[in-house]
Structures are given as C-alpha cells and as structure tokens.
Protein backbone atom coordinates (compact mmCIF):
# COMPACT_ATOMS: atom_id res chain seq x y z
CA MET A 1 2.06 -10.11 1.91
CA THR A 2 4.18 -10.40 -1.23
CA ASN A 3 4.15 -7.84 -4.03
CA GLU A 4 2.39 -10.33 -6.31
CA GLU A 5 -0.34 -10.91 -3.69
CA LEU A 6 -0.79 -7.15 -3.32
CA ILE A 7 -1.11 -6.70 -7.08
CA GLU A 8 -3.71 -9.47 -7.22
CA LYS A 9 -5.58 -7.88 -4.32
CA CYS A 10 -6.00 -4.71 -6.39
CA GLU A 11 -8.71 -6.55 -8.32
CA THR A 12 -10.97 -6.51 -5.25
CA CYS A 13 -10.22 -3.04 -3.87
CA SER A 14 -12.92 -0.42 -3.72
CA MET A 15 -11.86 2.46 -5.91
CA ASP A 16 -14.48 4.87 -4.60
CA PRO A 17 -12.71 8.27 -4.31
CA GLN A 18 -14.00 8.47 -0.72
CA SER A 19 -12.44 5.12 0.21
CA GLU A 20 -9.07 5.04 1.95
CA VAL A 21 -7.40 3.47 -1.10
CA GLY A 22 -8.91 6.04 -3.48
CA ALA A 23 -7.95 8.98 -1.27
CA VAL A 24 -4.38 7.74 -0.78
CA CYS A 25 -4.02 7.15 -4.54
CA LYS A 26 -4.89 10.78 -5.17
CA THR A 27 -2.48 11.97 -2.49
CA LEU A 28 0.35 9.81 -3.78
CA LEU A 29 -0.17 10.88 -7.40
CA THR A 30 -0.22 14.53 -6.33
CA ASN A 31 3.02 14.01 -4.37
CA ILE A 32 4.66 12.34 -7.36
CA LYS A 33 3.64 15.22 -9.63
CA GLU A 34 4.99 17.84 -7.21
CA SER A 35 8.19 15.98 -6.39
CA ASP A 36 11.49 16.38 -8.19
CA GLU A 37 12.22 12.68 -7.69
CA ASN A 38 12.43 10.31 -10.65
CA VAL A 39 9.94 7.55 -9.81
CA GLY A 40 10.02 5.76 -13.14
CA ALA A 41 6.81 7.25 -14.53
CA SER A 42 6.38 9.99 -17.08
CA ASP A 43 4.68 13.27 -16.25
CA THR A 44 2.08 12.39 -18.88
CA ASP A 45 1.21 9.12 -17.12
CA ILE A 46 0.96 10.83 -13.73
CA ASN A 47 -1.23 13.64 -15.15
CA THR A 48 -3.46 11.08 -16.89
CA TYR A 49 -4.02 9.10 -13.68
CA LEU A 50 -4.52 12.28 -11.65
CA GLY A 51 -7.11 13.47 -14.15
CA MET A 52 -9.11 10.28 -13.80
CA VAL A 53 -8.51 9.62 -10.09
CA ASP A 54 -12.25 9.80 -9.42
CA SER A 55 -12.89 6.94 -11.83
CA LEU A 56 -9.87 4.66 -11.37
CA LYS A 57 -10.34 1.00 -12.10
CA PRO A 58 -8.49 -1.96 -10.52
CA LYS A 59 -6.11 -2.19 -13.50
CA ASP A 60 -5.17 1.47 -12.92
CA LEU A 61 -4.60 0.75 -9.25
CA ARG A 62 -2.18 -2.02 -10.23
CA TYR A 63 -0.01 0.55 -12.03
CA ILE A 64 -0.15 3.00 -9.13
CA LEU A 65 0.65 0.21 -6.67
CA GLN A 66 3.68 -0.78 -8.74
CA LEU A 67 4.87 2.83 -8.54
CA ALA A 68 4.27 2.83 -4.78
CA LEU A 69 6.23 -0.42 -4.36
CA HIS A 70 9.09 1.03 -6.41
CA ILE A 71 9.10 4.26 -4.38
CA ASP A 72 8.95 2.38 -1.07
CA ALA A 73 11.85 0.07 -1.97
CA SER A 74 14.08 2.62 -3.72
CA LYS A 75 17.15 3.84 -1.92
CA ASP A 76 17.56 6.58 -4.55
CA ILE A 77 14.30 8.34 -3.66
CA LYS A 78 14.90 10.62 -0.69
CA ASP A 79 11.57 12.50 -0.54
CA THR A 80 10.18 11.33 2.83
CA GLU A 81 6.63 12.53 2.14
CA LEU A 82 6.58 10.56 -1.11
CA LYS A 83 7.91 7.43 0.60
CA LYS A 84 5.41 7.82 3.45
CA ASN A 85 2.44 8.09 1.10
CA ALA A 86 3.65 5.13 -0.96
CA SER A 87 3.81 3.09 2.25
CA ILE A 88 0.33 4.26 3.30
CA LEU A 89 -1.12 3.11 -0.04
CA ILE A 90 0.54 -0.29 0.30
CA ARG A 91 -0.87 -0.72 3.82
CA ALA A 92 -4.34 0.47 2.74
CA ILE A 93 -4.42 -2.17 0.02
CA GLU A 94 -3.22 -4.83 2.48
CA LYS A 95 -6.09 -3.92 4.83
CA SER A 96 -8.79 -3.70 2.17
C-alpha cells in the first residue's frame, strides 16, 4: 500500500481509543514525547495531540500517520522503540 493510499484510508479508520489504531496512536505519541529524537514535530503539536488522543478525528490521524511514515523511513532516527511503534501504527491502519 502506498503512502497516499494509507493517508486516504485514515478517513475510514475507527478512532475509538480502545481500537488498535487509537491505542497505537497514543503509544506512538507518548514515545515521541519521551524520545530525544527530532521527528519533525514540535513539542506543542505532540502535547496537543496527546491531550486529545481520546477524541482524535481522521484528519488528526493523517498528521500522526505522516509522522509515523517519516519516523519509519528516516535513517537519522535511531530510537528502535519509536521506529517499532511507528511501524505498528502503519500496519494497524493497513489492516483496518
């Protein structure tokens, strides 16, 4: 599945906090906040999304997915837990 197809698929994902996608979003955002890695998002953005993780909308998921795709593809990011959770979110969206 291409990145564009994944981003489009965000429109149909369940964003229930108990869903796999919702749970992985929260985990990934928490990892980003705790990591020293530069993922291309400001601390303010990450804190905003973490604060509203229980009420994320598909347009919010698009932003988080773009971060996950960036993290997954980046050779500069060395944090394995961060890369693993980015990959898990991508796969969860593919399966949804």
